[in-house]
C-alpha atoms as a PDB file:
ATOM      1  CA  MET A   1       0.316  -0.297   0.252  1.00  0.00           C
ATOM      2  CA  ASP A   2       1.402   3.380  -0.902  1.00  0.00           C
ATOM      3  CA  SER A   3       0.953   6.413   1.334  1.00  0.00           C
ATOM      4  CA  LYS A   4      -1.877   8.113  -1.085  1.00  0.00           C
ATOM      5  CA  SER A   5      -3.748   4.651  -0.646  1.00  0.00           C
ATOM      6  CA  CYS A   6      -3.113   4.792   3.292  1.00  0.00           C
ATOM      7  CA  GLU A   7      -4.379   8.180   3.867  1.00  0.00           C
ATOM      8  CA  LYS A   8      -7.412   7.919   1.602  1.00  0.00           C
ATOM      9  CA  ALA A   9      -7.956   4.347   4.023  1.00  0.00           C
ATOM     10  CA  THR A  10      -7.128   6.241   7.313  1.00  0.00           C
ATOM     11  CA  GLY A  11      -9.618   9.164   6.106  1.00  0.00           C
ATOM     12  CA  ALA A  12     -12.242   6.812   5.733  1.00  0.00           C
ATOM     13  CA  ILE A  13     -11.698   5.055   9.081  1.00  0.00           C
ATOM     14  CA  ALA A  14     -11.430   8.437  10.926  1.00  0.00           C
ATOM     15  CA  ASP A  15     -15.278   8.947  11.136  1.00  0.00           C
ATOM     16  CA  LYS A  16     -17.164   7.158  14.248  1.00  0.00           C
ATOM     17  CA  TYR A  17     -19.840   6.013  11.935  1.00  0.00           C
ATOM     18  CA  ARG A  18     -17.792   4.813   9.069  1.00  0.00           C
ATOM     19  CA  LEU A  19     -15.621   3.094  11.912  1.00  0.00           C
ATOM     20  CA  SER A  20     -18.514   1.176  13.449  1.00  0.00           C
ATOM     21  CA  ILE A  21     -19.921   0.111   9.942  1.00  0.00           C
ATOM     22  CA  LEU A  22     -16.085  -1.397   9.471  1.00  0.00           C
ATOM     23  CA  LEU A  23     -16.152  -3.116  13.109  1.00  0.00           C
ATOM     24  CA  GLU A  24     -19.674  -4.582  12.601  1.00  0.00           C
ATOM     25  CA  LEU A  25     -18.481  -5.800   8.793  1.00  0.00           C
ATOM     26  CA  ALA A  26     -15.666  -7.398  10.566  1.00  0.00           C
ATOM     27  CA  GLN A  27     -17.896  -9.531  12.502  1.00  0.00           C
ATOM     28  CA  ARG A  28     -20.209 -10.403   9.727  1.00  0.00           C
ATOM     29  CA  ASP A  29     -19.994 -11.682   6.297  1.00  0.00           C
ATOM     30  CA  SER A  30     -21.823  -8.926   4.626  1.00  0.00           C
ATOM     31  CA  MET A  31     -24.340  -6.042   5.392  1.00  0.00           C
ATOM     32  CA  THR A  32     -26.875  -4.595   3.300  1.00  0.00           C
ATOM     33  CA  PRO A  33     -26.950  -0.517   3.248  1.00  0.00           C
ATOM     34  CA  SER A  34     -30.287  -0.885   5.324  1.00  0.00           C
ATOM     35  CA  GLU A  35     -28.863  -3.031   8.379  1.00  0.00           C
ATOM     36  CA  ILE A  36     -26.174  -0.113   8.226  1.00  0.00           C
ATOM     37  CA  GLN A  37     -29.166   2.146   8.375  1.00  0.00           C
ATOM     38  CA  GLU A  38     -30.429   0.332  11.420  1.00  0.00           C
ATOM     39  CA  LEU A  39     -27.076  -0.082  12.846  1.00  0.00           C
ATOM     40  CA  THR A  40     -26.061   3.585  12.831  1.00  0.00           C
ATOM     41  CA  GLY A  41     -29.345   5.439  12.921  1.00  0.00           C
ATOM     42  CA  LEU A  42     -28.299   7.351   9.905  1.00  0.00           C
ATOM     43  CA  SER A  43     -30.858   8.726   6.891  1.00  0.00           C
ATOM     44  CA  GLN A  44     -30.532   6.415   3.502  1.00  0.00           C
ATOM     45  CA  PRO A  45     -28.616   9.423   1.958  1.00  0.00           C
ATOM     46  CA  CYS A  46     -26.400   9.554   4.962  1.00  0.00           C
ATOM     47  CA  VAL A  47     -25.595   5.886   5.013  1.00  0.00           C
ATOM     48  CA  SER A  48     -24.916   5.975   0.925  1.00  0.00           C
ATOM     49  CA  HIS A  49     -22.240   8.975   1.511  1.00  0.00           C
ATOM     50  CA  HIS A  50     -20.417   6.819   3.954  1.00  0.00           C
ATOM     51  CA  VAL A  51     -20.400   3.689   1.938  1.00  0.00           C
ATOM     52  CA  LYS A  52     -19.188   5.499  -1.043  1.00  0.00           C
ATOM     53  CA  LEU A  53     -16.379   6.765   1.197  1.00  0.00           C
ATOM     54  CA  LEU A  54     -15.474   3.406   2.315  1.00  0.00           C
ATOM     55  CA  THR A  55     -15.584   1.665  -1.186  1.00  0.00           C
ATOM     56  CA  ASP A  56     -13.483   4.472  -2.772  1.00  0.00           C
ATOM     57  CA  SER A  57     -10.946   3.813  -0.051  1.00  0.00           C
ATOM     58  CA  GLU A  58     -11.570   0.041  -1.033  1.00  0.00           C
ATOM     59  CA  LEU A  59     -11.903  -0.828   2.737  1.00  0.00           C
ATOM     60  CA  VAL A  60     -15.512  -2.132   1.667  1.00  0.00           C
ATOM     61  CA  ARG A  61     -16.507  -3.928  -1.444  1.00  0.00           C
ATOM     62  CA  ALA A  62     -20.219  -3.516  -2.974  1.00  0.00           C
ATOM     63  CA  GLU A  63     -21.307  -6.545  -4.509  1.00  0.00           C
ATOM     64  CA  LYS A  64     -25.194  -6.347  -6.442  1.00  0.00           C
ATOM     65  CA  GLU A  65     -26.587  -9.629  -6.162  1.00  0.00           C
ATOM     66  CA  GLY A  66     -30.136  -9.401  -7.748  1.00  0.00           C
ATOM     67  CA  ARG A  67     -32.104  -6.294  -6.205  1.00  0.00           C
ATOM     68  CA  ASN A  68     -29.872  -6.341  -3.148  1.00  0.00           C
ATOM     69  CA  VAL A  69     -26.381  -4.542  -2.736  1.00  0.00           C
ATOM     70  CA  TYR A  70     -24.240  -6.172  -0.098  1.00  0.00           C
ATOM     71  CA  LEU A  71     -21.357  -4.642   1.488  1.00  0.00           C
ATOM     72  CA  ARG A  72     -18.331  -6.620   2.296  1.00  0.00           C
ATOM     73  CA  LEU A  73     -14.594  -6.159   4.365  1.00  0.00           C
ATOM     74  CA  ASN A  74     -12.038  -5.869   1.763  1.00  0.00           C
ATOM     75  CA  LYS A  75      -9.661  -7.943   3.745  1.00  0.00           C
ATOM     76  CA  ASP A  76      -6.761  -7.694   1.069  1.00  0.00           C
ATOM     77  CA  THR A  77      -7.263  -4.002   1.749  1.00  0.00           C
ATOM     78  CA  THR A  78      -7.180  -4.045   5.270  1.00  0.00           C
ATOM     79  CA  ARG A  79      -4.411  -6.085   5.793  1.00  0.00           C
ATOM     80  CA  GLN A  80      -2.322  -3.757   3.386  1.00  0.00           C
ATOM     81  CA  LEU A  81      -3.415  -0.993   5.808  1.00  0.00           C
ATOM     82  CA  SER A  82      -2.247  -3.033   8.767  1.00  0.00           C
ATOM     83  CA  ASP A  83       1.049  -3.667   7.013  1.00  0.00           C
ATOM     84  CA  PHE A  84       1.746  -0.041   6.154  1.00  0.00           C
ATOM     85  CA  LEU A  85       1.053   1.005   9.615  1.00  0.00           C
ATOM     86  CA  ALA A  86       3.170  -2.017  11.380  1.00  0.00           C
ATOM     87  CA  LYS A  87       5.621  -0.031   9.634  1.00  0.00           C
ATOM     88  CA  LEU A  88       5.724   2.727  11.574  1.00  0.00           C
ATOM     89  CA  THR A  89       6.566   1.012  14.921  1.00  0.00           C
END
């Protein structure tokens, strides 16, 4: 992971709602935007905004299956971020 990608990923997790989404996705296989809305109590447009930032940073993958969108943690990116941050110690 380069420093630009790390900057984008850390910026995405700097928000309490996005961090809670990531923590919940780490416990589950997937979530839908409506499940995220229930988890956070945010409006649908606000959830869409947070999901877009998480997918743009490649921390989350959005996969459309039929009429539903399933959000999954991108473990490759989270591993790369962890490795990048471990270099700082």
